[in-house]
């Protein structure tokens, strides 16, 4: 595998299909149908911020190189409030393992990459969120030392 950074909004719009369909399958009343044009515009806007970075894991052992996974990171300053201290975090927006590469330990490699990325920049806190029904993700995050420090609840009326 080789790892490269991309700022290709068109590519991210195409890759967004896998992420959006998985979310829509899990929460059909919450997530919109896939809209490539909207996701393209969304990433064009995100990529204006140099602190938003996407890294691709490329399987270069295949006859034709394939994207195996991507990791979308953002270095973000969280402002101090009257209630809590401010801090800088590395926020993991998306961790996507393409279906053909799932179950092969790649998520642990992506998260180790995020750890090193943060350490190189002097960032001591990584944050991400995941859906409560995603038991697979929850298990991996717990194994790698992630702790839940907040939960969001909702009530449908």
C-alpha atoms as a PDB file:
ATOM      1  CA  UNK A   1       0.000   0.000   0.000  1.00  0.00           C
ATOM      2  CA  UNK A   2       1.078   3.523  -0.612  1.00  0.00           C
ATOM      3  CA  UNK A   3      -0.416   6.586   1.045  1.00  0.00           C
ATOM      4  CA  UNK A   4      -0.988   9.816  -0.850  1.00  0.00           C
ATOM      5  CA  UNK A   5      -2.759  13.049  -0.012  1.00  0.00           C
ATOM      6  CA  UNK A   6      -5.532  14.191  -2.315  1.00  0.00           C
ATOM      7  CA  UNK A   7      -7.384  17.443  -2.756  1.00  0.00           C
ATOM      8  CA  UNK A   8      -9.387  16.077  -5.674  1.00  0.00           C
ATOM      9  CA  UNK A   9     -12.980  17.043  -4.886  1.00  0.00           C
ATOM     10  CA  UNK A  10     -14.284  15.090  -7.884  1.00  0.00           C
ATOM     11  CA  UNK A  11     -12.652  11.899  -6.611  1.00  0.00           C
ATOM     12  CA  UNK A  12     -14.038  12.476  -3.119  1.00  0.00           C
ATOM     13  CA  UNK A  13     -17.504  12.988  -4.593  1.00  0.00           C
ATOM     14  CA  UNK A  14     -17.248   9.593  -6.287  1.00  0.00           C
ATOM     15  CA  UNK A  15     -15.874   7.890  -3.171  1.00  0.00           C
ATOM     16  CA  UNK A  16     -18.657   9.540  -1.183  1.00  0.00           C
ATOM     17  CA  UNK A  17     -21.106   7.068  -2.684  1.00  0.00           C
ATOM     18  CA  UNK A  18     -19.831   4.232  -0.485  1.00  0.00           C
ATOM     19  CA  UNK A  19     -19.970   6.318   2.705  1.00  0.00           C
ATOM     20  CA  UNK A  20     -23.369   7.856   1.958  1.00  0.00           C
ATOM     21  CA  UNK A  21     -25.010   4.558   1.008  1.00  0.00           C
ATOM     22  CA  UNK A  22     -23.758   2.881   4.201  1.00  0.00           C
ATOM     23  CA  UNK A  23     -25.097   5.739   6.325  1.00  0.00           C
ATOM     24  CA  UNK A  24     -28.411   5.766   4.448  1.00  0.00           C
ATOM     25  CA  UNK A  25     -28.739   2.007   4.934  1.00  0.00           C
ATOM     26  CA  UNK A  26     -28.213   2.346   8.683  1.00  0.00           C
ATOM     27  CA  UNK A  27     -30.302   5.508   9.183  1.00  0.00           C
ATOM     28  CA  UNK A  28     -32.660   5.978   6.201  1.00  0.00           C
ATOM     29  CA  UNK A  29     -34.705   8.705   7.878  1.00  0.00           C
ATOM     30  CA  UNK A  30     -31.647  10.773   8.724  1.00  0.00           C
ATOM     31  CA  UNK A  31     -29.330  10.590   5.710  1.00  0.00           C
ATOM     32  CA  UNK A  32     -30.118  11.980   2.285  1.00  0.00           C
ATOM     33  CA  UNK A  33     -29.694   9.966  -0.903  1.00  0.00           C
ATOM     34  CA  UNK A  34     -26.273  10.177  -2.541  1.00  0.00           C
ATOM     35  CA  UNK A  35     -25.849  13.363  -4.581  1.00  0.00           C
ATOM     36  CA  UNK A  36     -22.503  13.461  -6.368  1.00  0.00           C
ATOM     37  CA  UNK A  37     -22.816  17.098  -7.396  1.00  0.00           C
ATOM     38  CA  UNK A  38     -23.606  18.245  -3.859  1.00  0.00           C
ATOM     39  CA  UNK A  39     -20.711  16.240  -2.413  1.00  0.00           C
ATOM     40  CA  UNK A  40     -18.383  17.652  -5.087  1.00  0.00           C
ATOM     41  CA  UNK A  41     -19.340  21.199  -4.078  1.00  0.00           C
ATOM     42  CA  UNK A  42     -19.010  20.296  -0.396  1.00  0.00           C
ATOM     43  CA  UNK A  43     -15.420  19.060  -0.842  1.00  0.00           C
ATOM     44  CA  UNK A  44     -14.503  22.025  -3.039  1.00  0.00           C
ATOM     45  CA  UNK A  45     -15.446  24.219  -0.087  1.00  0.00           C
ATOM     46  CA  UNK A  46     -13.721  22.007   2.507  1.00  0.00           C
ATOM     47  CA  UNK A  47     -10.486  21.937   0.519  1.00  0.00           C
ATOM     48  CA  UNK A  48     -10.229  25.730   0.710  1.00  0.00           C
ATOM     49  CA  UNK A  49      -9.120  25.117   4.292  1.00  0.00           C
ATOM     50  CA  UNK A  50      -5.529  23.786   4.301  1.00  0.00           C
ATOM     51  CA  UNK A  51      -6.172  22.161   7.688  1.00  0.00           C
ATOM     52  CA  UNK A  52      -8.617  19.741   6.033  1.00  0.00           C
ATOM     53  CA  UNK A  53      -6.661  16.860   4.543  1.00  0.00           C
ATOM     54  CA  UNK A  54      -7.619  13.569   2.934  1.00  0.00           C
ATOM     55  CA  UNK A  55      -5.210  10.674   2.617  1.00  0.00           C
ATOM     56  CA  UNK A  56      -5.770   7.728   0.314  1.00  0.00           C
ATOM     57  CA  UNK A  57      -4.466   4.217   0.829  1.00  0.00           C
ATOM     58  CA  UNK A  58      -3.687   2.889  -2.638  1.00  0.00           C
ATOM     59  CA  UNK A  59      -3.326  -0.827  -3.272  1.00  0.00           C
ATOM     60  CA  UNK A  60      -0.408  -0.759  -5.673  1.00  0.00           C
ATOM     61  CA  UNK A  61      -0.069  -4.556  -5.682  1.00  0.00           C
ATOM     62  CA  UNK A  62      -2.958  -4.932  -8.096  1.00  0.00           C
ATOM     63  CA  UNK A  63      -2.605  -4.923 -11.874  1.00  0.00           C
ATOM     64  CA  UNK A  64      -4.501  -1.643 -11.790  1.00  0.00           C
ATOM     65  CA  UNK A  65      -4.042   0.490  -8.657  1.00  0.00           C
ATOM     66  CA  UNK A  66      -7.156   0.674  -6.495  1.00  0.00           C
ATOM     67  CA  UNK A  67      -8.183   2.901  -3.646  1.00  0.00           C
ATOM     68  CA  UNK A  68      -8.435   0.670  -0.583  1.00  0.00           C
ATOM     69  CA  UNK A  69      -9.345   3.347   1.975  1.00  0.00           C
ATOM     70  CA  UNK A  70      -9.316   7.010   2.840  1.00  0.00           C
ATOM     71  CA  UNK A  71      -8.931   9.081   5.975  1.00  0.00           C
ATOM     72  CA  UNK A  72     -10.235  12.644   6.208  1.00  0.00           C
ATOM     73  CA  UNK A  73      -8.556  14.700   8.936  1.00  0.00           C
ATOM     74  CA  UNK A  74      -8.838  18.246  10.200  1.00  0.00           C
ATOM     75  CA  UNK A  75      -6.595  20.080  12.634  1.00  0.00           C
ATOM     76  CA  UNK A  76      -8.991  22.233  14.580  1.00  0.00           C
ATOM     77  CA  UNK A  77      -8.723  24.720  17.434  1.00  0.00           C
ATOM     78  CA  UNK A  78     -11.609  24.298  19.865  1.00  0.00           C
ATOM     79  CA  UNK A  79     -12.198  27.624  21.574  1.00  0.00           C
ATOM     80  CA  UNK A  80     -12.164  28.035  25.321  1.00  0.00           C
ATOM     81  CA  UNK A  81     -15.497  28.840  26.877  1.00  0.00           C
ATOM     82  CA  UNK A  82     -16.548  29.981  30.305  1.00  0.00           C
ATOM     83  CA  UNK A  83     -17.133  26.273  31.094  1.00  0.00           C
ATOM     84  CA  UNK A  84     -14.135  24.459  29.605  1.00  0.00           C
ATOM     85  CA  UNK A  85     -10.587  24.938  28.416  1.00  0.00           C
ATOM     86  CA  UNK A  86      -9.781  25.358  24.769  1.00  0.00           C
ATOM     87  CA  UNK A  87      -7.623  22.832  22.974  1.00  0.00           C
ATOM     88  CA  UNK A  88      -6.390  21.746  19.570  1.00  0.00           C
ATOM     89  CA  UNK A  89      -7.662  18.473  18.241  1.00  0.00           C
ATOM     90  CA  UNK A  90      -7.197  16.302  15.220  1.00  0.00           C
ATOM     91  CA  UNK A  91     -10.731  15.549  14.132  1.00  0.00           C
ATOM     92  CA  UNK A  92     -11.268  12.418  12.055  1.00  0.00           C
ATOM     93  CA  UNK A  93     -14.213  13.255   9.794  1.00  0.00           C
ATOM     94  CA  UNK A  94     -14.310  10.028   7.800  1.00  0.00           C
ATOM     95  CA  UNK A  95     -12.596   6.689   7.935  1.00  0.00           C
ATOM     96  CA  UNK A  96     -13.647   4.637   4.934  1.00  0.00           C
ATOM     97  CA  UNK A  97     -12.428   1.173   4.077  1.00  0.00           C
ATOM     98  CA  UNK A  98     -13.669   0.099   0.663  1.00  0.00           C
ATOM     99  CA  UNK A  99     -15.792  -3.076   0.875  1.00  0.00           C
ATOM    100  CA  UNK A 100     -13.193  -5.337  -0.789  1.00  0.00           C
ATOM    101  CA  UNK A 101     -10.623  -4.343   1.867  1.00  0.00           C
ATOM    102  CA  UNK A 102     -12.771  -4.574   4.994  1.00  0.00           C
ATOM    103  CA  UNK A 103     -11.868  -7.036   7.710  1.00  0.00           C
ATOM    104  CA  UNK A 104      -8.142  -6.989   6.910  1.00  0.00           C
ATOM    105  CA  UNK A 105      -6.893  -4.708   9.694  1.00  0.00           C
ATOM    106  CA  UNK A 106      -6.658  -1.614   7.516  1.00  0.00           C
ATOM    107  CA  UNK A 107      -8.680   0.553   9.911  1.00  0.00           C
ATOM    108  CA  UNK A 108      -6.008   0.054  12.574  1.00  0.00           C
ATOM    109  CA  UNK A 109      -3.370   1.225  10.099  1.00  0.00           C
ATOM    110  CA  UNK A 110      -5.390   4.339   9.259  1.00  0.00           C
ATOM    111  CA  UNK A 111      -5.831   5.154  12.931  1.00  0.00           C
ATOM    112  CA  UNK A 112      -2.115   4.592  13.623  1.00  0.00           C
ATOM    113  CA  UNK A 113      -1.422   7.015  10.765  1.00  0.00           C
ATOM    114  CA  UNK A 114      -3.734   9.561  12.435  1.00  0.00           C
ATOM    115  CA  UNK A 115      -1.897   9.082  15.749  1.00  0.00           C
ATOM    116  CA  UNK A 116       1.467   9.764  14.108  1.00  0.00           C
ATOM    117  CA  UNK A 117       0.068  12.687  12.111  1.00  0.00           C
ATOM    118  CA  UNK A 118      -1.138  14.295  15.354  1.00  0.00           C
ATOM    119  CA  UNK A 119       2.092  13.613  17.246  1.00  0.00           C
ATOM    120  CA  UNK A 120       4.173  15.179  14.458  1.00  0.00           C
ATOM    121  CA  UNK A 121       2.123  18.358  14.831  1.00  0.00           C
ATOM    122  CA  UNK A 122       2.175  18.432  18.626  1.00  0.00           C
ATOM    123  CA  UNK A 123      -1.526  17.600  18.886  1.00  0.00           C
ATOM    124  CA  UNK A 124      -2.357  15.445  21.874  1.00  0.00           C
ATOM    125  CA  UNK A 125      -6.060  14.807  21.281  1.00  0.00           C
ATOM    126  CA  UNK A 126      -7.818  12.953  18.481  1.00  0.00           C
ATOM    127  CA  UNK A 127     -11.583  12.978  18.213  1.00  0.00           C
ATOM    128  CA  UNK A 128     -14.105  11.225  16.032  1.00  0.00           C
ATOM    129  CA  UNK A 129     -17.714  10.257  16.178  1.00  0.00           C
ATOM    130  CA  UNK A 130     -19.532   7.147  15.096  1.00  0.00           C
ATOM    131  CA  UNK A 131     -23.109   5.957  15.061  1.00  0.00           C
ATOM    132  CA  UNK A 132     -24.184   3.989  18.116  1.00  0.00           C
ATOM    133  CA  UNK A 133     -25.317   1.036  15.980  1.00  0.00           C
ATOM    134  CA  UNK A 134     -21.871   0.695  14.415  1.00  0.00           C
ATOM    135  CA  UNK A 135     -20.634  -2.010  16.781  1.00  0.00           C
ATOM    136  CA  UNK A 136     -17.726  -2.894  14.522  1.00  0.00           C
ATOM    137  CA  UNK A 137     -16.311   0.630  14.635  1.00  0.00           C
ATOM    138  CA  UNK A 138     -16.986   0.952  18.358  1.00  0.00           C
ATOM    139  CA  UNK A 139     -14.988  -2.212  19.065  1.00  0.00           C
ATOM    140  CA  UNK A 140     -11.991  -1.078  16.975  1.00  0.00           C
ATOM    141  CA  UNK A 141     -11.938   2.373  18.582  1.00  0.00           C
ATOM    142  CA  UNK A 142     -12.091   0.913  22.086  1.00  0.00           C
ATOM    143  CA  UNK A 143      -9.263  -1.534  21.281  1.00  0.00           C
ATOM    144  CA  UNK A 144      -7.118   1.402  20.173  1.00  0.00           C
ATOM    145  CA  UNK A 145      -7.684   3.458  23.310  1.00  0.00           C
ATOM    146  CA  UNK A 146     -10.534   5.762  22.275  1.00  0.00           C
ATOM    147  CA  UNK A 147     -12.841   6.672  25.140  1.00  0.00           C
ATOM    148  CA  UNK A 148     -16.383   7.969  24.931  1.00  0.00           C
ATOM    149  CA  UNK A 149     -16.618  11.311  26.716  1.00  0.00           C
ATOM    150  CA  UNK A 150     -19.932  12.574  25.400  1.00  0.00           C
ATOM    151  CA  UNK A 151     -23.083  11.060  23.979  1.00  0.00           C
ATOM    152  CA  UNK A 152     -25.895  12.599  21.977  1.00  0.00           C
ATOM    153  CA  UNK A 153     -29.461  11.457  22.471  1.00  0.00           C
ATOM    154  CA  UNK A 154     -32.524  12.377  20.511  1.00  0.00           C
ATOM    155  CA  UNK A 155     -36.248  11.913  20.748  1.00  0.00           C
ATOM    156  CA  UNK A 156     -38.415  11.696  17.658  1.00  0.00           C
ATOM    157  CA  UNK A 157     -41.805  13.399  18.061  1.00  0.00           C
END
